[in-house]
C-alpha cells in the first residue's frame, strides 16, 4: 500500500478541480473525517482513512475539503494544487 490514498478530483462548488488525499503513514484513525463525510472517507484494514471515489467526492465544495483537512487531528488530509495547475 502506498503512503497516500489515490488523490481524487473534486470541486462541486464550481471552483477548479482539486485533489484530496490521506497520508496513511500519519493518519491516527480518529475517524473524524469518516464520521463527517462517510460517503467520501472510509477506513482501511489498518484503520487509516482513505478517500473513496464517487459522486459525493466530486460534489464536495472545495471549502468543505479544506475544512476537513484543517480539522484532521493528525494533519493527514491534504488538499493542494500541483505545479501543473491541478490540485492534489
PDB file of N, CA and C in Angstrom:
ATOM      1  N   UNK A   1       0.837  -1.175   0.000  1.00  0.00           N
ATOM      2  CA  UNK A   1       0.000   0.000   0.000  1.00  0.00           C
ATOM      3  C   UNK A   1       0.883   1.240   0.000  1.00  0.00           C
ATOM      4  N   UNK A   2       0.496   2.265  -0.739  1.00  0.00           N
ATOM      5  CA  UNK A   2       1.275   3.493  -0.804  1.00  0.00           C
ATOM      6  C   UNK A   2       1.024   4.328   0.448  1.00  0.00           C
ATOM      7  N   UNK A   3       1.849   5.357   0.626  1.00  0.00           N
ATOM      8  CA  UNK A   3       1.705   6.236   1.775  1.00  0.00           C
ATOM      9  C   UNK A   3       0.459   7.098   1.677  1.00  0.00           C
ATOM     10  N   UNK A   4       0.018   7.378   0.498  1.00  0.00           N
ATOM     11  CA  UNK A   4      -1.165   8.216   0.312  1.00  0.00           C
ATOM     12  C   UNK A   4      -2.213   7.441  -0.474  1.00  0.00           C
ATOM     13  N   UNK A   5      -3.469   7.691  -0.098  1.00  0.00           N
ATOM     14  CA  UNK A   5      -4.528   7.113  -0.907  1.00  0.00           C
ATOM     15  C   UNK A   5      -4.502   7.822  -2.253  1.00  0.00           C
ATOM     16  N   UNK A   6      -5.093   7.211  -3.261  1.00  0.00           N
ATOM     17  CA  UNK A   6      -5.113   7.842  -4.571  1.00  0.00           C
ATOM     18  C   UNK A   6      -5.834   9.171  -4.484  1.00  0.00           C
ATOM     19  N   UNK A   7      -5.224  10.241  -5.007  1.00  0.00           N
ATOM     20  CA  UNK A   7      -5.912  11.519  -4.987  1.00  0.00           C
ATOM     21  C   UNK A   7      -7.067  11.509  -5.985  1.00  0.00           C
ATOM     22  N   UNK A   8      -8.133  12.166  -5.617  1.00  0.00           N
ATOM     23  CA  UNK A   8      -9.313  12.233  -6.472  1.00  0.00           C
ATOM     24  C   UNK A   8      -9.719  13.687  -6.659  1.00  0.00           C
ATOM     25  N   UNK A   9     -10.151  14.061  -7.868  1.00  0.00           N
ATOM     26  CA  UNK A   9     -10.576  15.439  -8.086  1.00  0.00           C
ATOM     27  C   UNK A   9     -11.926  15.696  -7.430  1.00  0.00           C
ATOM     28  N   UNK A  10     -12.153  16.937  -7.038  1.00  0.00           N
ATOM     29  CA  UNK A  10     -13.455  17.347  -6.527  1.00  0.00           C
ATOM     30  C   UNK A  10     -13.605  18.825  -6.810  1.00  0.00           C
ATOM     31  N   UNK A  11     -14.674  19.413  -6.408  1.00  0.00           N
ATOM     32  CA  UNK A  11     -14.870  20.850  -6.597  1.00  0.00           C
ATOM     33  C   UNK A  11     -16.272  21.154  -7.045  1.00  0.00           C
ATOM     34  N   UNK A  12     -17.267  20.578  -6.412  1.00  0.00           N
ATOM     35  CA  UNK A  12     -18.661  20.745  -6.796  1.00  0.00           C
ATOM     36  C   UNK A  12     -19.188  22.156  -6.633  1.00  0.00           C
ATOM     37  N   UNK A  13     -18.368  23.070  -6.107  1.00  0.00           N
ATOM     38  CA  UNK A  13     -18.810  24.446  -5.926  1.00  0.00           C
ATOM     39  C   UNK A  13     -18.451  25.322  -7.119  1.00  0.00           C
ATOM     40  N   UNK A  14     -18.101  24.708  -8.242  1.00  0.00           N
ATOM     41  CA  UNK A  14     -17.782  25.450  -9.440  1.00  0.00           C
ATOM     42  C   UNK A  14     -16.342  25.925  -9.489  1.00  0.00           C
ATOM     43  N   UNK A  15     -15.566  25.630  -8.467  1.00  0.00           N
ATOM     44  CA  UNK A  15     -14.163  26.001  -8.470  1.00  0.00           C
ATOM     45  C   UNK A  15     -13.390  24.989  -9.302  1.00  0.00           C
ATOM     46  N   UNK A  16     -12.139  25.310  -9.556  1.00  0.00           N
ATOM     47  CA  UNK A  16     -11.296  24.403 -10.327  1.00  0.00           C
ATOM     48  C   UNK A  16     -11.225  23.048  -9.627  1.00  0.00           C
ATOM     49  N   UNK A  17     -11.115  21.972 -10.384  1.00  0.00           N
ATOM     50  CA  UNK A  17     -10.990  20.655  -9.763  1.00  0.00           C
ATOM     51  C   UNK A  17      -9.824  20.639  -8.779  1.00  0.00           C
ATOM     52  N   UNK A  18      -9.997  19.904  -7.704  1.00  0.00           N
ATOM     53  CA  UNK A  18      -8.982  19.836  -6.662  1.00  0.00           C
ATOM     54  C   UNK A  18      -8.623  18.385  -6.407  1.00  0.00           C
ATOM     55  N   UNK A  19      -7.603  18.156  -5.582  1.00  0.00           N
ATOM     56  CA  UNK A  19      -7.198  16.808  -5.209  1.00  0.00           C
ATOM     57  C   UNK A  19      -7.213  16.700  -3.690  1.00  0.00           C
ATOM     58  N   UNK A  20      -7.701  15.577  -3.232  1.00  0.00           N
ATOM     59  CA  UNK A  20      -7.833  15.296  -1.811  1.00  0.00           C
ATOM     60  C   UNK A  20      -7.156  13.963  -1.555  1.00  0.00           C
ATOM     61  N   UNK A  21      -6.299  13.884  -0.533  1.00  0.00           N
ATOM     62  CA  UNK A  21      -5.629  12.626  -0.232  1.00  0.00           C
ATOM     63  C   UNK A  21      -5.423  12.494   1.275  1.00  0.00           C
ATOM     64  N   UNK A  22      -5.188  11.251   1.714  1.00  0.00           N
ATOM     65  CA  UNK A  22      -4.921  10.948   3.114  1.00  0.00           C
ATOM     66  C   UNK A  22      -3.560  10.257   3.195  1.00  0.00           C
ATOM     67  N   UNK A  23      -2.702  10.754   4.051  1.00  0.00           N
ATOM     68  CA  UNK A  23      -1.402  10.136   4.272  1.00  0.00           C
ATOM     69  C   UNK A  23      -1.584   9.029   5.311  1.00  0.00           C
ATOM     70  N   UNK A  24      -1.564   7.790   4.865  1.00  0.00           N
ATOM     71  CA  UNK A  24      -1.807   6.640   5.739  1.00  0.00           C
ATOM     72  C   UNK A  24      -0.714   6.474   6.792  1.00  0.00           C
ATOM     73  N   UNK A  25       0.471   7.026   6.533  1.00  0.00           N
ATOM     74  CA  UNK A  25       1.572   6.906   7.496  1.00  0.00           C
ATOM     75  C   UNK A  25       1.354   7.770   8.731  1.00  0.00           C
ATOM     76  N   UNK A  26       0.605   8.876   8.592  1.00  0.00           N
ATOM     77  CA  UNK A  26       0.397   9.740   9.754  1.00  0.00           C
ATOM     78  C   UNK A  26      -1.039   9.741  10.264  1.00  0.00           C
ATOM     79  N   UNK A  27      -1.946   9.113   9.530  1.00  0.00           N
ATOM     80  CA  UNK A  27      -3.338   9.016   9.980  1.00  0.00           C
ATOM     81  C   UNK A  27      -3.386   8.205  11.281  1.00  0.00           C
ATOM     82  N   UNK A  28      -4.049   8.757  12.302  1.00  0.00           N
ATOM     83  CA  UNK A  28      -4.155   8.062  13.593  1.00  0.00           C
ATOM     84  C   UNK A  28      -5.477   7.322  13.734  1.00  0.00           C
ATOM     85  N   UNK A  29      -6.328   7.371  12.706  1.00  0.00           N
ATOM     86  CA  UNK A  29      -7.577   6.625  12.724  1.00  0.00           C
ATOM     87  C   UNK A  29      -8.607   7.170  13.688  1.00  0.00           C
ATOM     88  N   UNK A  30      -8.604   8.485  13.928  1.00  0.00           N
ATOM     89  CA  UNK A  30      -9.577   9.074  14.852  1.00  0.00           C
ATOM     90  C   UNK A  30     -11.006   8.943  14.328  1.00  0.00           C
ATOM     91  N   UNK A  31     -11.149   8.906  13.018  1.00  0.00           N
ATOM     92  CA  UNK A  31     -12.466   8.728  12.415  1.00  0.00           C
ATOM     93  C   UNK A  31     -13.257   9.997  12.235  1.00  0.00           C
ATOM     94  N   UNK A  32     -12.685  11.144  12.543  1.00  0.00           N
ATOM     95  CA  UNK A  32     -13.429  12.391  12.391  1.00  0.00           C
ATOM     96  C   UNK A  32     -13.869  12.614  10.944  1.00  0.00           C
ATOM     97  N   UNK A  33     -12.988  12.319   9.999  1.00  0.00           N
ATOM     98  CA  UNK A  33     -13.339  12.504   8.585  1.00  0.00           C
ATOM     99  C   UNK A  33     -14.405  11.499   8.156  1.00  0.00           C
ATOM    100  N   UNK A  34     -14.288  10.266   8.627  1.00  0.00           N
ATOM    101  CA  UNK A  34     -15.249   9.222   8.272  1.00  0.00           C
ATOM    102  C   UNK A  34     -16.628   9.568   8.822  1.00  0.00           C
ATOM    103  N   UNK A  35     -16.680  10.084  10.048  1.00  0.00           N
ATOM    104  CA  UNK A  35     -17.957  10.495  10.639  1.00  0.00           C
ATOM    105  C   UNK A  35     -18.535  11.720   9.939  1.00  0.00           C
ATOM    106  N   UNK A  36     -17.666  12.656   9.574  1.00  0.00           N
ATOM    107  CA  UNK A  36     -18.121  13.896   8.947  1.00  0.00           C
ATOM    108  C   UNK A  36     -18.584  13.697   7.507  1.00  0.00           C
ATOM    109  N   UNK A  37     -17.913  12.840   6.765  1.00  0.00           N
ATOM    110  CA  UNK A  37     -18.204  12.616   5.342  1.00  0.00           C
ATOM    111  C   UNK A  37     -18.082  11.126   5.016  1.00  0.00           C
ATOM    112  N   UNK A  38     -19.031  10.297   5.477  1.00  0.00           N
ATOM    113  CA  UNK A  38     -18.922   8.848   5.260  1.00  0.00           C
ATOM    114  C   UNK A  38     -19.009   8.418   3.800  1.00  0.00           C
ATOM    115  N   UNK A  39     -19.498   9.286   2.930  1.00  0.00           N
ATOM    116  CA  UNK A  39     -19.534   8.955   1.503  1.00  0.00           C
ATOM    117  C   UNK A  39     -18.230   9.311   0.803  1.00  0.00           C
ATOM    118  N   UNK A  40     -17.320   9.966   1.530  1.00  0.00           N
ATOM    119  CA  UNK A  40     -16.053  10.411   0.948  1.00  0.00           C
ATOM    120  C   UNK A  40     -14.860   9.691   1.570  1.00  0.00           C
ATOM    121  N   UNK A  41     -14.965   9.324   2.856  1.00  0.00           N
ATOM    122  CA  UNK A  41     -13.868   8.663   3.556  1.00  0.00           C
ATOM    123  C   UNK A  41     -14.318   7.320   4.111  1.00  0.00           C
ATOM    124  N   UNK A  42     -13.383   6.389   4.201  1.00  0.00           N
ATOM    125  CA  UNK A  42     -13.629   5.080   4.823  1.00  0.00           C
ATOM    126  C   UNK A  42     -12.328   4.627   5.463  1.00  0.00           C
ATOM    127  N   UNK A  43     -12.434   3.626   6.339  1.00  0.00           N
ATOM    128  CA  UNK A  43     -11.245   3.070   6.965  1.00  0.00           C
ATOM    129  C   UNK A  43     -10.673   1.940   6.130  1.00  0.00           C
ATOM    130  N   UNK A  44      -9.349   1.881   6.071  1.00  0.00           N
ATOM    131  CA  UNK A  44      -8.631   0.747   5.506  1.00  0.00           C
ATOM    132  C   UNK A  44      -8.570  -0.333   6.584  1.00  0.00           C
ATOM    133  N   UNK A  45      -8.075  -1.512   6.244  1.00  0.00           N
ATOM    134  CA  UNK A  45      -7.931  -2.601   7.205  1.00  0.00           C
ATOM    135  C   UNK A  45      -7.009  -2.211   8.361  1.00  0.00           C
ATOM    136  N   UNK A  46      -6.022  -1.340   8.084  1.00  0.00           N
ATOM    137  CA  UNK A  46      -5.087  -0.914   9.132  1.00  0.00           C
ATOM    138  C   UNK A  46      -5.606   0.270   9.950  1.00  0.00           C
ATOM    139  N   UNK A  47      -6.871   0.626   9.761  1.00  0.00           N
ATOM    140  CA  UNK A  47      -7.561   1.715  10.459  1.00  0.00           C
ATOM    141  C   UNK A  47      -7.125   3.106  10.034  1.00  0.00           C
ATOM    142  N   UNK A  48      -6.366   3.221   8.965  1.00  0.00           N
ATOM    143  CA  UNK A  48      -6.083   4.526   8.382  1.00  0.00           C
ATOM    144  C   UNK A  48      -7.249   4.872   7.460  1.00  0.00           C
ATOM    145  N   UNK A  49      -7.571   6.143   7.379  1.00  0.00           N
ATOM    146  CA  UNK A  49      -8.649   6.580   6.490  1.00  0.00           C
ATOM    147  C   UNK A  49      -8.158   6.579   5.048  1.00  0.00           C
ATOM    148  N   UNK A  50      -9.095   6.487   4.134  1.00  0.00           N
ATOM    149  CA  UNK A  50      -8.787   6.614   2.709  1.00  0.00           C
ATOM    150  C   UNK A  50      -9.904   7.390   2.042  1.00  0.00           C
ATOM    151  N   UNK A  51      -9.619   7.944   0.883  1.00  0.00           N
ATOM    152  CA  UNK A  51     -10.601   8.697   0.107  1.00  0.00           C
ATOM    153  C   UNK A  51     -11.334   7.726  -0.809  1.00  0.00           C
ATOM    154  N   UNK A  52     -12.653   7.823  -0.807  1.00  0.00           N
ATOM    155  CA  UNK A  52     -13.483   6.986  -1.680  1.00  0.00           C
ATOM    156  C   UNK A  52     -13.785   7.732  -2.975  1.00  0.00           C
ATOM    157  N   UNK A  53     -13.622   7.080  -4.108  1.00  0.00           N
ATOM    158  CA  UNK A  53     -14.031   7.717  -5.360  1.00  0.00           C
ATOM    159  C   UNK A  53     -15.552   7.746  -5.430  1.00  0.00           C
ATOM    160  N   UNK A  54     -16.086   8.646  -6.203  1.00  0.00           N
ATOM    161  CA  UNK A  54     -17.526   8.649  -6.396  1.00  0.00           C
ATOM    162  C   UNK A  54     -18.124  10.034  -6.445  1.00  0.00           C
ATOM    163  N   UNK A  55     -19.437  10.082  -6.650  1.00  0.00           N
ATOM    164  CA  UNK A  55     -20.111  11.366  -6.849  1.00  0.00           C
ATOM    165  C   UNK A  55     -20.067  12.283  -5.640  1.00  0.00           C
ATOM    166  N   UNK A  56     -20.087  11.755  -4.417  1.00  0.00           N
ATOM    167  CA  UNK A  56     -20.042  12.621  -3.230  1.00  0.00           C
ATOM    168  C   UNK A  56     -18.742  13.418  -3.201  1.00  0.00           C
ATOM    169  N   UNK A  57     -17.655  12.790  -3.566  1.00  0.00           N
ATOM    170  CA  UNK A  57     -16.367  13.472  -3.606  1.00  0.00           C
ATOM    171  C   UNK A  57     -16.381  14.569  -4.662  1.00  0.00           C
ATOM    172  N   UNK A  58     -16.934  14.270  -5.814  1.00  0.00           N
ATOM    173  CA  UNK A  58     -16.941  15.233  -6.917  1.00  0.00           C
ATOM    174  C   UNK A  58     -17.864  16.416  -6.652  1.00  0.00           C
ATOM    175  N   UNK A  59     -18.861  16.235  -5.791  1.00  0.00           N
ATOM    176  CA  UNK A  59     -19.782  17.330  -5.440  1.00  0.00           C
ATOM    177  C   UNK A  59     -19.293  18.149  -4.253  1.00  0.00           C
ATOM    178  N   UNK A  60     -18.276  17.687  -3.566  1.00  0.00           N
ATOM    179  CA  UNK A  60     -17.819  18.366  -2.355  1.00  0.00           C
ATOM    180  C   UNK A  60     -17.259  19.745  -2.687  1.00  0.00           C
ATOM    181  N   UNK A  61     -17.759  20.775  -2.013  1.00  0.00           N
ATOM    182  CA  UNK A  61     -17.185  22.109  -2.214  1.00  0.00           C
ATOM    183  C   UNK A  61     -15.733  22.146  -1.738  1.00  0.00           C
ATOM    184  N   UNK A  62     -14.914  22.893  -2.440  1.00  0.00           N
ATOM    185  CA  UNK A  62     -13.502  22.999  -2.073  1.00  0.00           C
ATOM    186  C   UNK A  62     -13.348  23.522  -0.650  1.00  0.00           C
ATOM    187  N   UNK A  63     -14.222  24.439  -0.234  1.00  0.00           N
ATOM    188  CA  UNK A  63     -14.145  24.972   1.132  1.00  0.00           C
ATOM    189  C   UNK A  63     -14.371  23.871   2.164  1.00  0.00           C
ATOM    190  N   UNK A  64     -15.266  22.939   1.870  1.00  0.00           N
ATOM    191  CA  UNK A  64     -15.517  21.821   2.785  1.00  0.00           C
ATOM    192  C   UNK A  64     -14.290  20.916   2.864  1.00  0.00           C
ATOM    193  N   UNK A  65     -13.652  20.673   1.738  1.00  0.00           N
ATOM    194  CA  UNK A  65     -12.446  19.842   1.725  1.00  0.00           C
ATOM    195  C   UNK A  65     -11.351  20.482   2.572  1.00  0.00           C
ATOM    196  N   UNK A  66     -11.179  21.794   2.441  1.00  0.00           N
ATOM    197  CA  UNK A  66     -10.176  22.490   3.246  1.00  0.00           C
ATOM    198  C   UNK A  66     -10.532  22.423   4.730  1.00  0.00           C
ATOM    199  N   UNK A  67     -11.814  22.538   5.052  1.00  0.00           N
ATOM    200  CA  UNK A  67     -12.265  22.443   6.446  1.00  0.00           C
ATOM    201  C   UNK A  67     -11.940  21.066   7.034  1.00  0.00           C
ATOM    202  N   UNK A  68     -12.212  20.012   6.267  1.00  0.00           N
ATOM    203  CA  UNK A  68     -11.899  18.658   6.730  1.00  0.00           C
ATOM    204  C   UNK A  68     -10.406  18.492   6.965  1.00  0.00           C
ATOM    205  N   UNK A  69      -9.600  19.019   6.070  1.00  0.00           N
ATOM    206  CA  UNK A  69      -8.149  18.918   6.216  1.00  0.00           C
ATOM    207  C   UNK A  69      -7.681  19.671   7.463  1.00  0.00           C
ATOM    208  N   UNK A  70      -8.223  20.851   7.695  1.00  0.00           N
ATOM    209  CA  UNK A  70      -7.819  21.630   8.863  1.00  0.00           C
ATOM    210  C   UNK A  70      -8.255  20.966  10.169  1.00  0.00           C
ATOM    211  N   UNK A  71      -9.363  20.217  10.149  1.00  0.00           N
ATOM    212  CA  UNK A  71      -9.881  19.579  11.359  1.00  0.00           C
ATOM    213  C   UNK A  71      -9.284  18.207  11.625  1.00  0.00           C
ATOM    214  N   UNK A  72      -8.469  17.698  10.722  1.00  0.00           N
ATOM    215  CA  UNK A  72      -7.859  16.388  10.925  1.00  0.00           C
ATOM    216  C   UNK A  72      -6.849  16.484  12.068  1.00  0.00           C
ATOM    217  N   UNK A  73      -7.030  15.695  13.148  1.00  0.00           N
ATOM    218  CA  UNK A  73      -6.145  15.818  14.303  1.00  0.00           C
ATOM    219  C   UNK A  73      -4.688  15.453  14.029  1.00  0.00           C
ATOM    220  N   UNK A  74      -4.434  14.652  13.012  1.00  0.00           N
ATOM    221  CA  UNK A  74      -3.044  14.300  12.696  1.00  0.00           C
ATOM    222  C   UNK A  74      -2.536  14.995  11.432  1.00  0.00           C
ATOM    223  N   UNK A  75      -3.345  15.888  10.865  1.00  0.00           N
ATOM    224  CA  UNK A  75      -2.992  16.603   9.630  1.00  0.00           C
ATOM    225  C   UNK A  75      -2.678  15.643   8.490  1.00  0.00           C
ATOM    226  N   UNK A  76      -3.403  14.535   8.436  1.00  0.00           N
ATOM    227  CA  UNK A  76      -3.168  13.524   7.410  1.00  0.00           C
ATOM    228  C   UNK A  76      -3.905  13.817   6.101  1.00  0.00           C
ATOM    229  N   UNK A  77      -4.902  14.696   6.127  1.00  0.00           N
ATOM    230  CA  UNK A  77      -5.672  15.021   4.922  1.00  0.00           C
ATOM    231  C   UNK A  77      -5.010  16.193   4.223  1.00  0.00           C
ATOM    232  N   UNK A  78      -4.763  16.026   2.923  1.00  0.00           N
ATOM    233  CA  UNK A  78      -4.136  17.075   2.125  1.00  0.00           C
ATOM    234  C   UNK A  78      -5.072  17.541   1.029  1.00  0.00           C
ATOM    235  N   UNK A  79      -5.097  18.835   0.842  1.00  0.00           N
ATOM    236  CA  UNK A  79      -5.794  19.476  -0.269  1.00  0.00           C
ATOM    237  C   UNK A  79      -4.801  20.473  -0.818  1.00  0.00           C
ATOM    238  N   UNK A  80      -4.465  20.351  -2.082  1.00  0.00           N
ATOM    239  CA  UNK A  80      -3.486  21.282  -2.619  1.00  0.00           C
ATOM    240  C   UNK A  80      -3.472  21.314  -4.115  1.00  0.00           C
ATOM    241  N   UNK A  81      -2.666  22.215  -4.647  1.00  0.00           N
ATOM    242  CA  UNK A  81      -2.556  22.390  -6.091  1.00  0.00           C
ATOM    243  C   UNK A  81      -1.181  21.917  -6.553  1.00  0.00           C
ATOM    244  N   UNK A  82      -1.157  21.039  -7.519  1.00  0.00           N
ATOM    245  CA  UNK A  82       0.088  20.532  -8.084  1.00  0.00           C
ATOM    246  C   UNK A  82       0.723  21.594  -8.962  1.00  0.00           C
ATOM    247  N   UNK A  83       2.018  21.503  -9.233  1.00  0.00           N
ATOM    248  CA  UNK A  83       2.692  22.509 -10.053  1.00  0.00           C
ATOM    249  C   UNK A  83       2.091  22.690 -11.439  1.00  0.00           C
ATOM    250  N   UNK A  84       1.452  21.647 -11.976  1.00  0.00           N
ATOM    251  CA  UNK A  84       0.872  21.758 -13.324  1.00  0.00           C
ATOM    252  C   UNK A  84      -0.515  22.404 -13.296  1.00  0.00           C
ATOM    253  N   UNK A  85      -0.946  22.914 -12.146  1.00  0.00           N
ATOM    254  CA  UNK A  85      -2.233  23.585 -12.063  1.00  0.00           C
ATOM    255  C   UNK A  85      -3.325  22.714 -11.488  1.00  0.00           C
ATOM    256  N   UNK A  86      -3.100  21.410 -11.428  1.00  0.00           N
ATOM    257  CA  UNK A  86      -4.105  20.544 -10.811  1.00  0.00           C
ATOM    258  C   UNK A  86      -3.936  20.599  -9.312  1.00  0.00           C
ATOM    259  N   UNK A  87      -5.026  20.439  -8.609  1.00  0.00           N
ATOM    260  CA  UNK A  87      -4.961  20.414  -7.159  1.00  0.00           C
ATOM    261  C   UNK A  87      -4.766  18.981  -6.724  1.00  0.00           C
ATOM    262  N   UNK A  88      -3.930  18.787  -5.715  1.00  0.00           N
ATOM    263  CA  UNK A  88      -3.682  17.412  -5.266  1.00  0.00           C
ATOM    264  C   UNK A  88      -3.925  17.278  -3.785  1.00  0.00           C
TER     265      UNK A  88
END
